[in-house]
Protein backbone atom coordinates (compact mmCIF):
# COMPACT_ATOMS: atom_id res chain seq x y z
CA UNK A 1 124.22 4.92 59.45
CA UNK A 2 122.82 2.85 56.58
CA UNK A 3 126.02 0.80 56.41
CA UNK A 4 125.84 0.02 60.14
CA UNK A 5 122.22 -1.11 59.85
CA UNK A 6 123.09 -3.30 56.89
CA UNK A 7 126.01 -4.90 58.69
CA UNK A 8 123.84 -5.51 61.78
CA UNK A 9 121.12 -7.06 59.66
CA UNK A 10 123.67 -9.34 58.00
CA UNK A 11 125.02 -10.39 61.38
CA UNK A 12 121.53 -11.17 62.68
CA UNK A 13 120.68 -13.11 59.53
CA UNK A 14 123.87 -15.15 59.86
CA UNK A 15 123.08 -15.90 63.50
CA UNK A 16 119.54 -16.96 62.66
CA UNK A 17 120.76 -19.19 59.84
CA UNK A 18 123.30 -20.77 62.18
CA UNK A 19 120.51 -21.57 64.65
CA UNK A 20 118.42 -23.11 61.92
CA UNK A 21 121.32 -25.28 60.78
CA UNK A 22 122.07 -26.36 64.36
CA UNK A 23 118.47 -27.42 64.97
CA UNK A 24 118.11 -29.41 61.75
CA UNK A 25 119.86 -32.54 62.98
CA UNK A 26 119.72 -34.79 66.01
CA UNK A 27 121.88 -37.65 67.23
CA UNK A 28 120.69 -41.15 68.11
CA UNK A 29 122.61 -43.17 70.68
CA UNK A 30 122.01 -46.90 70.64
CA UNK A 31 122.98 -48.71 73.83
CA UNK A 32 122.53 -52.14 75.36
CA UNK A 33 124.25 -55.03 77.02
CA UNK A 34 124.47 -58.59 75.79
CA UNK A 35 124.46 -60.95 78.75
CA UNK A 36 126.11 -64.37 78.49
CA UNK A 37 123.50 -65.95 80.78
CA UNK A 38 119.85 -66.48 79.96
CA UNK A 39 116.86 -67.02 82.26
CA UNK A 40 113.73 -69.04 81.59
CA UNK A 41 110.45 -68.44 83.47
CA UNK A 42 107.93 -71.25 83.92
CA UNK A 43 104.48 -71.90 85.35
CA UNK A 44 103.02 -75.35 86.10
CA UNK A 45 99.78 -74.71 84.27
CA UNK A 46 96.80 -72.40 83.82
CA UNK A 47 94.00 -71.24 86.09
CA UNK A 48 90.54 -72.66 85.39
CA UNK A 49 87.46 -71.68 87.42
CA UNK A 50 85.22 -74.15 85.65
CA UNK A 51 81.56 -73.25 85.08
CA UNK A 52 79.98 -70.53 87.19
CA UNK A 53 76.20 -70.10 87.20
CA UNK A 54 75.07 -66.61 86.23
CA UNK A 55 72.47 -66.69 89.02
CA UNK A 56 75.27 -67.00 91.59
CA UNK A 57 76.81 -63.66 90.60
CA UNK A 58 76.10 -60.52 92.59
CA UNK A 59 73.85 -58.15 90.72
CA UNK A 60 75.14 -54.87 92.12
CA UNK A 61 78.70 -55.62 93.24
CA UNK A 62 81.74 -57.62 92.19
CA UNK A 63 81.62 -61.36 92.87
CA UNK A 64 84.94 -62.64 94.28
CA UNK A 65 86.00 -66.06 93.04
CA UNK A 66 88.14 -68.63 94.80
CA UNK A 67 91.77 -67.59 95.19
CA UNK A 68 94.08 -69.58 92.95
CA UNK A 69 97.84 -69.97 93.43
CA UNK A 70 100.61 -71.07 91.09
CA UNK A 71 104.35 -71.33 91.57
CA UNK A 72 106.33 -69.11 89.24
CA UNK A 73 109.91 -70.28 88.71
CA UNK A 74 112.88 -68.69 86.98
CA UNK A 75 115.97 -70.72 86.09
CA UNK A 76 119.13 -69.03 84.78
CA UNK A 77 122.39 -70.33 83.31
CA UNK A 78 124.27 -68.42 86.01
CA UNK A 79 123.54 -65.92 88.78
CA UNK A 80 121.82 -63.03 87.02
CA UNK A 81 120.21 -59.72 87.89
CA UNK A 82 116.62 -59.93 86.68
CA UNK A 83 113.05 -58.95 87.44
CA UNK A 84 109.66 -60.34 86.45
CA UNK A 85 107.70 -57.98 84.20
CA UNK A 86 103.98 -58.90 83.94
CA UNK A 87 102.04 -57.77 80.87
CA UNK A 88 98.26 -57.85 80.50
CA UNK A 89 97.29 -59.43 77.17
CA UNK A 90 93.73 -58.23 77.74
CA UNK A 91 94.65 -54.61 78.36
CA UNK A 92 91.60 -52.41 78.16
CA UNK A 93 89.23 -55.01 79.57
CA UNK A 94 90.03 -54.33 83.25
CA UNK A 95 87.70 -52.06 85.16
CA UNK A 96 90.59 -50.23 86.83
CA UNK A 97 94.22 -49.74 86.01
CA UNK A 98 95.90 -51.63 88.86
CA UNK A 99 94.44 -54.95 87.72
CA UNK A 100 94.39 -57.43 84.85
CA UNK A 101 91.32 -57.89 82.65
CA UNK A 102 89.20 -60.96 81.95
CA UNK A 103 88.11 -59.98 78.46
CA UNK A 104 85.03 -58.29 77.05
CA UNK A 105 81.42 -59.29 76.38
CA UNK A 106 79.99 -57.84 73.16
CA UNK A 107 83.25 -55.91 72.76
CA UNK A 108 82.34 -53.30 75.37
CA UNK A 109 81.29 -54.99 78.65
CA UNK A 110 84.23 -55.62 80.98
CA UNK A 111 83.76 -59.10 82.41
CA UNK A 112 85.94 -58.73 85.48
CA UNK A 113 89.42 -58.33 86.93
CA UNK A 114 92.17 -60.17 88.73
CA UNK A 115 95.06 -58.92 90.80
CA UNK A 116 98.32 -60.68 91.52
CA UNK A 117 100.13 -61.07 94.83
CA UNK A 118 103.47 -62.80 95.41
CA UNK A 119 104.82 -64.64 98.44
CA UNK A 120 107.21 -67.36 99.67
CA UNK A 121 110.34 -66.53 97.67
CA UNK A 122 112.99 -69.22 97.46
CA UNK A 123 116.49 -69.01 95.98
CA UNK A 124 120.04 -70.15 96.60
CA UNK A 125 120.66 -66.74 98.26
CA UNK A 126 118.39 -65.59 101.12
CA UNK A 127 116.06 -63.16 99.41
CA UNK A 128 113.15 -60.80 99.96
CA UNK A 129 110.49 -60.09 97.37
CA UNK A 130 110.79 -56.51 96.19
CA UNK A 131 108.81 -54.45 93.68
CA UNK A 132 109.12 -51.38 91.52
CA UNK A 133 105.77 -49.73 90.80
CA UNK A 134 105.05 -47.89 87.55
CA UNK A 135 108.75 -47.91 86.61
CA UNK A 136 109.31 -45.15 89.16
CA UNK A 137 112.90 -46.23 89.66
CA UNK A 138 112.74 -47.12 93.34
CA UNK A 139 112.57 -50.63 94.80
CA UNK A 140 110.56 -51.41 97.91
CA UNK A 141 109.86 -54.58 99.85
CA UNK A 142 106.77 -56.42 98.64
CA UNK A 143 104.36 -57.70 101.25
CA UNK A 144 102.25 -60.81 100.65
CA UNK A 145 98.99 -58.82 100.47
CA UNK A 146 100.25 -56.07 98.14
CA UNK A 147 99.00 -56.32 94.58
CA UNK A 148 101.16 -56.13 91.48
CA UNK A 149 99.71 -54.31 88.47
CA UNK A 150 100.59 -54.77 84.78
CA UNK A 151 104.04 -53.36 83.98
CA UNK A 152 105.20 -53.33 87.61
CA UNK A 153 108.44 -55.21 88.33
CA UNK A 154 108.99 -58.01 90.85
CA UNK A 155 112.44 -59.21 91.86
CA UNK A 156 114.33 -61.00 94.61
CA UNK A 157 116.74 -58.83 96.53
CA UNK A 158 118.01 -57.50 99.81
CA UNK A 159 118.42 -54.23 101.64
CA UNK A 160 121.76 -52.43 101.61
CA UNK A 161 123.07 -49.02 102.55
CA UNK A 162 121.21 -47.43 99.64
CA UNK A 163 117.92 -49.24 100.23
CA UNK A 164 116.30 -52.25 98.59
CA UNK A 165 117.79 -53.62 95.38
CA UNK A 166 117.77 -56.87 93.39
CA UNK A 167 120.71 -59.22 93.70
CA UNK A 168 121.93 -61.91 91.28
CA UNK A 169 119.97 -65.16 91.41
CA UNK A 170 120.45 -68.39 89.49
CA UNK A 171 117.29 -70.32 90.40
CA UNK A 172 114.25 -68.76 92.04
CA UNK A 173 110.64 -69.59 92.77
CA UNK A 174 107.72 -67.72 94.30
CA UNK A 175 104.03 -68.30 94.89
CA UNK A 176 101.73 -66.18 92.74
CA UNK A 177 98.11 -65.83 93.82
CA UNK A 178 95.25 -64.60 91.66
CA UNK A 179 92.48 -62.58 93.32
CA UNK A 180 89.69 -62.70 90.76
CA UNK A 181 86.30 -60.97 90.66
CA UNK A 182 83.43 -60.89 88.17
CA UNK A 183 81.81 -57.53 87.47
CA UNK A 184 78.24 -56.79 88.67
CA UNK A 185 75.88 -59.02 86.73
CA UNK A 186 73.47 -56.16 85.99
CA UNK A 187 76.11 -54.70 83.68
CA UNK A 188 76.73 -57.93 81.76
CA UNK A 189 74.89 -59.76 78.98
CA UNK A 190 74.69 -63.32 80.32
CA UNK A 191 72.04 -64.86 78.07
CA UNK A 192 74.56 -67.40 76.72
CA UNK A 193 77.82 -68.92 77.94
CA UNK A 194 80.58 -66.37 78.40
CA UNK A 195 84.26 -67.34 78.41
CA UNK A 196 86.47 -66.01 81.18
CA UNK A 197 89.35 -64.88 79.00
CA UNK A 198 92.22 -63.57 81.10
CA UNK A 199 95.75 -63.76 79.72
CA UNK A 200 99.08 -62.41 80.94
CA UNK A 201 102.70 -62.74 79.88
CA UNK A 202 105.55 -62.82 82.39
CA UNK A 203 108.78 -61.54 80.89
CA UNK A 204 112.23 -61.85 82.40
CA UNK A 205 113.72 -58.37 82.34
CA UNK A 206 117.50 -58.30 82.69
CA UNK A 207 118.72 -55.51 84.97
């Protein structure tokens, strides 16, 4: 009986040790794809609202500013699958997640927000603006009044048997409109000039 228990204990110990050894390493797979074609995004300039009098701001609600539009262009060496990936360089200063921030006053007062909408796509291939929200993996058609949040994806594509998907484009352009609002003035320190300090980066993401 003692011999059987000893042999069983040895077998269990060996099994446990084998499990420990198996769990003490992990593999890393490094993947990617080098594309021979490159794409360059461009904007014609920046958005400037000029000087806004503090007395003209709403005290208890957001003050909408004039809509501003720019044309965003992407030019590639050859037809390429890509999407536009907007990043908020003032992350943390927006009052709500689906918008871009305008910076902070006194490091803790959120000055305001802006949202982006896209319209009027143009390319050498008939295209529809499509979007992927929150990297959820599904493309959908993008309407002119639907906002794009930081880290969403915007592309030009078409609808096939499996739904909407980007298609290769060499040269593309689209109108990008900013819908900007200043936070309620009662929550802001406006005793001196305050800089509207929004900043975003638009990356070309190869698909």
